[in-house]
């Protein structure tokens, strides 16, 4: 019998042959099971479990390079983002990224990040184009901007032309059709309005991002539809917009407090903005929720630790990331997706904390 090498104190890693010998199967069977390849013959569940147990016992570490060559794949996913800084600085992008990383690790895929500067600047984009054209990544997850972005849209068109698999996060890039995994913003806004109305609020104001924001437009649409279903018509001056600058919140709060009919509740369509609004209200001697209730959207980490803690609509950020990665990998591996939609919008949930109460 061949001396079983293993790596018990000798630093020599086990091979497929070692696992095959231990599990009493062929090397080809081990390769099919560990590389999750389609088998021309039926492999029993008992055999599969025996091979996996043998691999674990021998501390087998797969050779990714050999696996990539044998399956003609890079086992790498590209991440395209408008801003590499925002990918980790934004609570929303970071939550989604966490889900992507976990799924990629589970499926043994590496990640490569391309920000918009790299893919659109002629001086830098050659490296991106080379990586895509030479198939150094098998597919791409796109963090689609929350506003019109023609440069990014053009890069997505190029992916389609090259028949590179891709999945959009949140929305498609302008009018470039493609698979999407995101949040059902309309039903999320309805959750917020229904909750405020259930507490007895009828005088409600809304603070939204600028109308250039896709997500803000969807949430505003959902909120107005929900208000209408409750027989509440919002005056135009009770809908205010912040074009993504925290200093503007000061002015918006002043305008709300100056309304002839001061609202008893605010629906702020973004958690960081909602937390800022609570702080501004406090500085103006308006107690939340005693004098005015505030509800947000997103459930970023800071929402739980604001004072008072923020009642909000939770986006399932990590599930958006993991489902996007799962969908992309299934497409790469040519899984049968005929029974699945390419447009997956996950339902948010209401998180009740301390920033809302009856008027």
Protein backbone atom coordinates (compact mmCIF):
# COMPACT_ATOMS: atom_id res chain seq x y z
CA UNK A 1 0.00 0.00 0.00
CA UNK A 2 1.23 3.50 -0.90
CA UNK A 3 2.38 5.53 2.10
CA UNK A 4 -0.45 7.94 2.88
CA UNK A 5 1.31 11.32 2.99
CA UNK A 6 -1.16 13.66 4.63
CA UNK A 7 0.17 16.74 6.43
CA UNK A 8 0.47 15.56 10.00
CA UNK A 9 3.51 17.56 11.06
CA UNK A 10 5.27 17.13 7.68
CA UNK A 11 3.86 20.16 5.85
CA UNK A 12 2.83 18.02 2.84
CA UNK A 13 -0.73 18.66 1.73
CA UNK A 14 -2.99 15.73 0.80
CA UNK A 15 -3.98 15.17 -2.82
CA UNK A 16 -7.12 13.87 -4.53
CA UNK A 17 -5.38 10.49 -4.69
CA UNK A 18 -5.00 10.46 -0.89
CA UNK A 19 -8.70 11.17 -0.45
CA UNK A 20 -9.64 8.55 -3.07
CA UNK A 21 -7.58 5.93 -1.24
CA UNK A 22 -9.06 6.79 2.14
CA UNK A 23 -12.65 6.85 0.83
CA UNK A 24 -12.09 3.74 -1.32
CA UNK A 25 -13.28 5.43 -4.53
CA UNK A 26 -11.65 6.55 -7.76
CA UNK A 27 -9.75 9.82 -8.08
CA UNK A 28 -12.28 10.91 -10.75
CA UNK A 29 -15.15 10.44 -8.29
CA UNK A 30 -13.35 12.59 -5.72
CA UNK A 31 -12.78 15.31 -8.33
CA UNK A 32 -16.45 15.32 -9.36
CA UNK A 33 -17.66 15.59 -5.76
CA UNK A 34 -15.20 18.19 -4.45
CA UNK A 35 -15.38 20.36 -7.57
CA UNK A 36 -19.18 20.08 -7.70
CA UNK A 37 -19.10 18.94 -11.31
CA UNK A 38 -21.85 17.16 -13.18
CA UNK A 39 -21.31 13.42 -13.17
CA UNK A 40 -22.03 11.08 -16.12
CA UNK A 41 -22.80 8.38 -13.56
CA UNK A 42 -24.96 8.47 -10.46
CA UNK A 43 -22.99 9.02 -7.26
CA UNK A 44 -24.81 7.94 -4.12
CA UNK A 45 -25.25 10.27 -1.18
CA UNK A 46 -23.34 7.80 1.01
CA UNK A 47 -20.33 7.97 -1.34
CA UNK A 48 -20.52 11.76 -1.44
CA UNK A 49 -20.56 11.97 2.37
CA UNK A 50 -17.67 9.49 2.64
CA UNK A 51 -15.51 11.56 0.26
CA UNK A 52 -16.31 14.84 2.05
CA UNK A 53 -15.56 13.24 5.43
CA UNK A 54 -12.24 11.93 4.13
CA UNK A 55 -11.32 15.36 2.75
CA UNK A 56 -12.09 17.00 6.11
CA UNK A 57 -10.15 14.37 8.04
CA UNK A 58 -7.10 14.88 5.83
CA UNK A 59 -7.45 18.70 6.00
CA UNK A 60 -7.65 18.85 2.22
CA UNK A 61 -7.29 22.35 0.72
CA UNK A 62 -8.43 22.52 -2.94
CA UNK A 63 -5.99 23.79 -5.54
CA UNK A 64 -8.00 26.67 -6.98
CA UNK A 65 -5.71 27.14 -9.96
CA UNK A 66 -6.01 23.50 -11.02
CA UNK A 67 -9.76 23.65 -10.50
CA UNK A 68 -10.02 26.79 -12.62
CA UNK A 69 -8.05 25.20 -15.48
CA UNK A 70 -10.07 21.98 -15.39
CA UNK A 71 -13.41 23.82 -15.53
CA UNK A 72 -12.24 26.69 -17.79
CA UNK A 73 -13.24 29.26 -15.19
CA UNK A 74 -11.45 31.94 -13.18
CA UNK A 75 -13.56 31.40 -10.04
CA UNK A 76 -13.59 35.16 -9.61
CA UNK A 77 -16.38 37.73 -9.50
CA UNK A 78 -15.90 41.38 -10.43
CA UNK A 79 -17.53 44.12 -8.36
CA UNK A 80 -18.28 47.36 -10.26
CA UNK A 81 -19.09 50.35 -8.05
CA UNK A 82 -19.45 54.09 -8.65
CA UNK A 83 -17.10 54.60 -5.68
CA UNK A 84 -14.76 52.10 -4.03
CA UNK A 85 -14.78 54.34 -0.93
CA UNK A 86 -18.58 54.25 -0.68
CA UNK A 87 -18.51 50.48 -1.04
CA UNK A 88 -17.14 50.28 2.51
CA UNK A 89 -18.01 53.75 3.84
CA UNK A 90 -21.74 53.59 3.00
CA UNK A 91 -23.72 51.54 5.52
CA UNK A 92 -25.99 50.33 2.70
CA UNK A 93 -23.24 49.19 0.32
CA UNK A 94 -21.23 47.68 3.17
CA UNK A 95 -24.24 45.58 4.27
CA UNK A 96 -24.75 44.27 0.73
CA UNK A 97 -21.01 43.65 0.30
CA UNK A 98 -21.01 41.53 3.45
CA UNK A 99 -23.60 39.23 1.88
CA UNK A 100 -21.64 39.00 -1.38
CA UNK A 101 -18.40 38.14 0.44
CA UNK A 102 -20.05 35.41 2.51
CA UNK A 103 -21.65 33.76 -0.54
CA UNK A 104 -18.44 34.05 -2.58
CA UNK A 105 -16.49 32.35 0.20
CA UNK A 106 -19.11 29.63 0.47
CA UNK A 107 -18.87 28.96 -3.28
CA UNK A 108 -15.04 29.35 -3.40
CA UNK A 109 -15.00 32.44 -5.62
CA UNK A 110 -12.56 35.35 -5.29
CA UNK A 111 -13.59 39.00 -5.66
CA UNK A 112 -12.09 41.85 -7.71
CA UNK A 113 -13.26 45.47 -7.24
CA UNK A 114 -13.44 48.05 -10.04
CA UNK A 115 -14.56 51.59 -9.23
CA UNK A 116 -16.01 53.98 -11.80
CA UNK A 117 -12.76 55.91 -12.21
CA UNK A 118 -10.92 52.76 -13.28
CA UNK A 119 -13.53 51.66 -15.80
CA UNK A 120 -14.26 55.07 -17.37
CA UNK A 121 -10.90 56.91 -17.33
CA UNK A 122 -9.12 56.14 -20.68
CA UNK A 123 -5.76 56.17 -18.89
CA UNK A 124 -6.86 53.46 -16.46
CA UNK A 125 -9.58 51.48 -18.21
CA UNK A 126 -7.25 49.26 -20.26
CA UNK A 127 -6.60 47.04 -17.23
CA UNK A 128 -10.34 46.67 -16.67
CA UNK A 129 -11.02 45.91 -20.34
CA UNK A 130 -8.20 43.34 -20.37
CA UNK A 131 -9.50 41.56 -17.27
CA UNK A 132 -12.99 41.38 -18.77
CA UNK A 133 -11.96 40.41 -22.32
CA UNK A 134 -9.49 37.77 -21.09
CA UNK A 135 -12.14 36.38 -18.72
CA UNK A 136 -10.13 36.90 -15.54
CA UNK A 137 -13.54 37.20 -13.91
CA UNK A 138 -16.48 34.91 -14.66
CA UNK A 139 -19.18 37.46 -13.95
CA UNK A 140 -19.84 40.87 -12.46
CA UNK A 141 -21.99 42.32 -9.66
CA UNK A 142 -22.85 45.97 -10.35
CA UNK A 143 -23.62 48.43 -7.57
CA UNK A 144 -25.83 50.60 -9.75
CA UNK A 145 -25.78 54.30 -8.89
CA UNK A 146 -28.91 55.86 -7.35
CA UNK A 147 -28.97 58.44 -10.15
CA UNK A 148 -28.50 58.56 -13.93
CA UNK A 149 -24.96 57.51 -14.81
CA UNK A 150 -24.35 57.23 -18.56
CA UNK A 151 -20.68 56.20 -18.21
CA UNK A 152 -21.56 53.25 -15.99
CA UNK A 153 -24.47 52.32 -18.26
CA UNK A 154 -22.08 52.19 -21.24
CA UNK A 155 -19.81 49.77 -19.37
CA UNK A 156 -22.82 47.53 -18.65
CA UNK A 157 -23.69 47.57 -22.36
CA UNK A 158 -20.15 46.39 -23.08
CA UNK A 159 -20.61 43.51 -20.64
CA UNK A 160 -23.76 42.46 -22.50
CA UNK A 161 -21.95 42.68 -25.85
CA UNK A 162 -19.18 40.44 -24.51
CA UNK A 163 -21.82 38.02 -23.13
CA UNK A 164 -20.40 38.43 -19.64
CA UNK A 165 -22.85 37.40 -16.92
CA UNK A 166 -23.82 40.23 -14.57
CA UNK A 167 -26.32 41.07 -11.84
CA UNK A 168 -27.38 44.57 -10.77
CA UNK A 169 -27.78 45.60 -7.14
CA UNK A 170 -30.94 47.67 -6.43
CA UNK A 171 -31.77 48.70 -10.02
CA UNK A 172 -30.68 48.43 -13.64
CA UNK A 173 -28.19 50.90 -15.09
CA UNK A 174 -30.38 53.47 -16.85
CA UNK A 175 -32.20 51.60 -19.64
CA UNK A 176 -29.79 48.66 -19.91
CA UNK A 177 -31.92 45.58 -19.27
CA UNK A 178 -30.44 43.02 -16.89
CA UNK A 179 -31.07 40.94 -13.77
CA UNK A 180 -31.69 42.85 -10.52
CA UNK A 181 -31.64 42.00 -6.81
CA UNK A 182 -32.89 44.84 -4.64
CA UNK A 183 -35.39 46.16 -2.11
CA UNK A 184 -39.14 46.53 -2.62
CA UNK A 185 -39.09 50.25 -1.79
CA UNK A 186 -42.79 50.77 -2.44
CA UNK A 187 -43.97 48.10 0.02
CA UNK A 188 -41.35 49.32 2.53
CA UNK A 189 -42.74 52.86 2.42
CA UNK A 190 -46.24 51.45 2.91
CA UNK A 191 -45.05 49.70 6.09
CA UNK A 192 -43.84 53.02 7.48
CA UNK A 193 -47.01 54.96 6.66
CA UNK A 194 -49.33 52.19 7.85
CA UNK A 195 -47.48 52.12 11.18
CA UNK A 196 -47.71 55.89 11.69
CA UNK A 197 -51.42 55.86 10.86
CA UNK A 198 -51.98 52.91 13.22
CA UNK A 199 -50.52 55.06 16.02
CA UNK A 200 -53.06 57.77 15.20
CA UNK A 201 -50.97 60.17 13.10
CA UNK A 202 -52.81 62.07 10.36
CA UNK A 203 -50.52 65.09 10.04
CA UNK A 204 -47.42 63.60 8.44
CA UNK A 205 -44.54 65.22 6.56
CA UNK A 206 -42.02 63.49 4.31
CA UNK A 207 -38.33 64.31 3.83
CA UNK A 208 -36.90 62.67 0.71
CA UNK A 209 -33.70 62.69 -1.23
CA UNK A 210 -33.75 64.75 -4.42
CA UNK A 211 -35.91 63.48 -7.26
CA UNK A 212 -32.74 62.39 -9.08
CA UNK A 213 -32.59 59.51 -6.59
CA UNK A 214 -34.31 56.38 -7.92
CA UNK A 215 -34.84 54.87 -4.46
CA UNK A 216 -36.26 58.10 -3.07
CA UNK A 217 -38.75 58.37 -5.95
CA UNK A 218 -39.92 54.79 -5.35
CA UNK A 219 -40.27 55.31 -1.59
CA UNK A 220 -42.13 58.58 -2.10
CA UNK A 221 -44.45 56.86 -4.56
CA UNK A 222 -45.15 54.09 -2.03
CA UNK A 223 -45.72 56.59 0.80
CA UNK A 224 -48.16 58.75 -1.18
CA UNK A 225 -50.06 55.68 -2.35
CA UNK A 226 -50.34 54.41 1.25
CA UNK A 227 -51.46 57.83 2.52
CA UNK A 228 -54.13 57.97 -0.16
CA UNK A 229 -55.41 54.54 0.88
CA UNK A 230 -55.94 55.99 4.37
CA UNK A 231 -57.73 59.05 3.00
CA UNK A 232 -54.84 61.41 3.80
CA UNK A 233 -53.80 64.05 1.27
CA UNK A 234 -50.42 65.65 1.92
CA UNK A 235 -50.11 69.36 1.11
CA UNK A 236 -47.25 70.12 -1.27
CA UNK A 237 -45.31 71.99 1.42
CA UNK A 238 -45.27 68.83 3.61
CA UNK A 239 -43.03 67.02 1.09
CA UNK A 240 -39.46 68.29 1.29
CA UNK A 241 -36.30 67.31 -0.56
CA UNK A 242 -32.64 67.14 0.45
CA UNK A 243 -30.22 66.78 -2.46
CA UNK A 244 -27.75 64.73 -0.41
CA UNK A 245 -26.18 67.43 1.74
CA UNK A 246 -26.56 67.22 5.55
CA UNK A 247 -26.55 71.00 5.98
CA UNK A 248 -29.82 71.23 4.04
CA UNK A 249 -31.58 69.27 6.81
CA UNK A 250 -31.34 72.35 9.05
CA UNK A 251 -33.40 74.38 6.59
CA UNK A 252 -35.90 71.55 6.04
CA UNK A 253 -36.56 71.18 9.76
CA UNK A 254 -37.11 74.95 10.09
CA UNK A 255 -39.64 74.81 7.25
CA UNK A 256 -41.45 71.88 8.89
CA UNK A 257 -41.65 73.67 12.23
CA UNK A 258 -43.00 76.78 10.47
CA UNK A 259 -45.87 74.92 8.75
CA UNK A 260 -49.31 76.26 9.61
CA UNK A 261 -50.34 72.74 10.61
CA UNK A 262 -47.26 71.33 12.25
CA UNK A 263 -46.96 67.57 11.54
CA UNK A 264 -47.00 65.11 14.41
CA UNK A 265 -44.80 62.62 12.50
CA UNK A 266 -41.98 62.67 9.93
CA UNK A 267 -41.21 59.91 7.47
CA UNK A 268 -37.56 60.43 6.45
CA UNK A 269 -36.70 58.22 3.49
CA UNK A 270 -33.11 57.50 4.52
CA UNK A 271 -31.73 56.51 7.97
CA UNK A 272 -28.62 58.77 8.13
CA UNK A 273 -30.84 61.72 7.18
CA UNK A 274 -33.45 60.64 9.78
CA UNK A 275 -30.81 60.50 12.54
CA UNK A 276 -29.58 63.96 11.55
CA UNK A 277 -33.15 65.29 11.62
CA UNK A 278 -33.68 63.89 15.15
CA UNK A 279 -30.55 65.73 16.32
CA UNK A 280 -31.72 68.98 14.71
CA UNK A 281 -35.18 68.65 16.27
CA UNK A 282 -33.54 68.10 19.66
CA UNK A 283 -31.43 71.24 19.18
CA UNK A 284 -34.69 73.12 18.51
CA UNK A 285 -36.21 71.82 21.78
CA UNK A 286 -38.52 69.40 19.93
CA UNK A 287 -38.52 66.08 21.77
CA UNK A 288 -38.71 62.87 19.75
CA UNK A 289 -41.13 61.10 20.05
CA UNK A 290 -43.03 63.19 22.66
CA UNK A 291 -43.47 66.23 20.40
CA UNK A 292 -42.89 64.60 17.03
CA UNK A 293 -42.41 61.01 15.84
CA UNK A 294 -39.69 60.15 13.30
CA UNK A 295 -39.41 56.98 11.21
CA UNK A 296 -36.58 56.16 8.80
CA UNK A 297 -35.74 53.68 6.04
CA UNK A 298 -32.80 51.29 5.82
CA UNK A 299 -31.91 50.18 9.35
CA UNK A 300 -28.23 51.07 9.19
CA UNK A 301 -26.13 50.17 12.24
CA UNK A 302 -26.37 53.68 13.75
CA UNK A 303 -30.19 53.51 13.79
CA UNK A 304 -30.17 51.28 16.86
CA UNK A 305 -27.77 53.57 18.74
CA UNK A 306 -29.26 56.98 17.96
CA UNK A 307 -31.04 58.75 20.82
CA UNK A 308 -33.85 57.89 20.79
CA UNK A 309 -33.22 54.68 18.87
CA UNK A 310 -34.72 54.98 15.40
CA UNK A 311 -37.89 53.18 14.33
CA UNK A 312 -37.25 52.30 10.71
CA UNK A 313 -37.89 50.02 7.74
CA UNK A 314 -35.16 47.41 7.53
CA UNK A 315 -33.67 46.66 4.13
CA UNK A 316 -32.39 43.05 4.04
CA UNK A 317 -28.95 44.24 2.91
CA UNK A 318 -26.92 41.08 3.51
CA UNK A 319 -29.63 38.96 1.82
CA UNK A 320 -29.58 41.28 -1.19
CA UNK A 321 -25.83 40.69 -1.44
CA UNK A 322 -25.96 36.94 -0.93
CA UNK A 323 -28.85 36.46 -3.37
CA UNK A 324 -27.13 38.61 -6.00
CA UNK A 325 -23.94 36.55 -5.67
CA UNK A 326 -25.92 33.30 -5.67
CA UNK A 327 -27.86 34.34 -8.81
CA UNK A 328 -24.65 35.35 -10.58
CA UNK A 329 -22.82 32.13 -9.68
CA UNK A 330 -25.83 30.07 -10.81
CA UNK A 331 -25.71 31.90 -14.14
CA UNK A 332 -21.95 31.35 -14.43
CA UNK A 333 -22.35 27.66 -13.67
CA UNK A 334 -25.29 27.37 -16.11
CA UNK A 335 -27.78 26.23 -13.49
CA UNK A 336 -31.39 25.87 -14.62
CA UNK A 337 -32.99 29.19 -13.68
CA UNK A 338 -36.15 28.79 -15.75
CA UNK A 339 -38.35 28.84 -12.64
CA UNK A 340 -36.74 32.00 -11.20
CA UNK A 341 -37.32 35.65 -11.99
CA UNK A 342 -34.38 37.84 -13.02
CA UNK A 343 -35.97 40.68 -11.03
CA UNK A 344 -35.80 39.88 -7.31
CA UNK A 345 -37.11 42.56 -4.94
CA UNK A 346 -36.86 41.47 -1.31
CA UNK A 347 -39.49 42.58 1.18
CA UNK A 348 -38.32 44.99 3.93
CA UNK A 349 -39.61 44.72 7.51
CA UNK A 350 -40.64 47.24 10.14
CA UNK A 351 -38.31 47.63 13.12
CA UNK A 352 -40.08 49.33 16.03
CA UNK A 353 -37.82 51.21 18.43
CA UNK A 354 -38.25 54.43 20.44
CA UNK A 355 -38.65 57.30 17.95
CA UNK A 356 -42.39 56.87 17.36
CA UNK A 357 -45.46 57.03 19.58
CA UNK A 358 -49.09 58.12 19.40
CA UNK A 359 -49.57 61.88 18.84
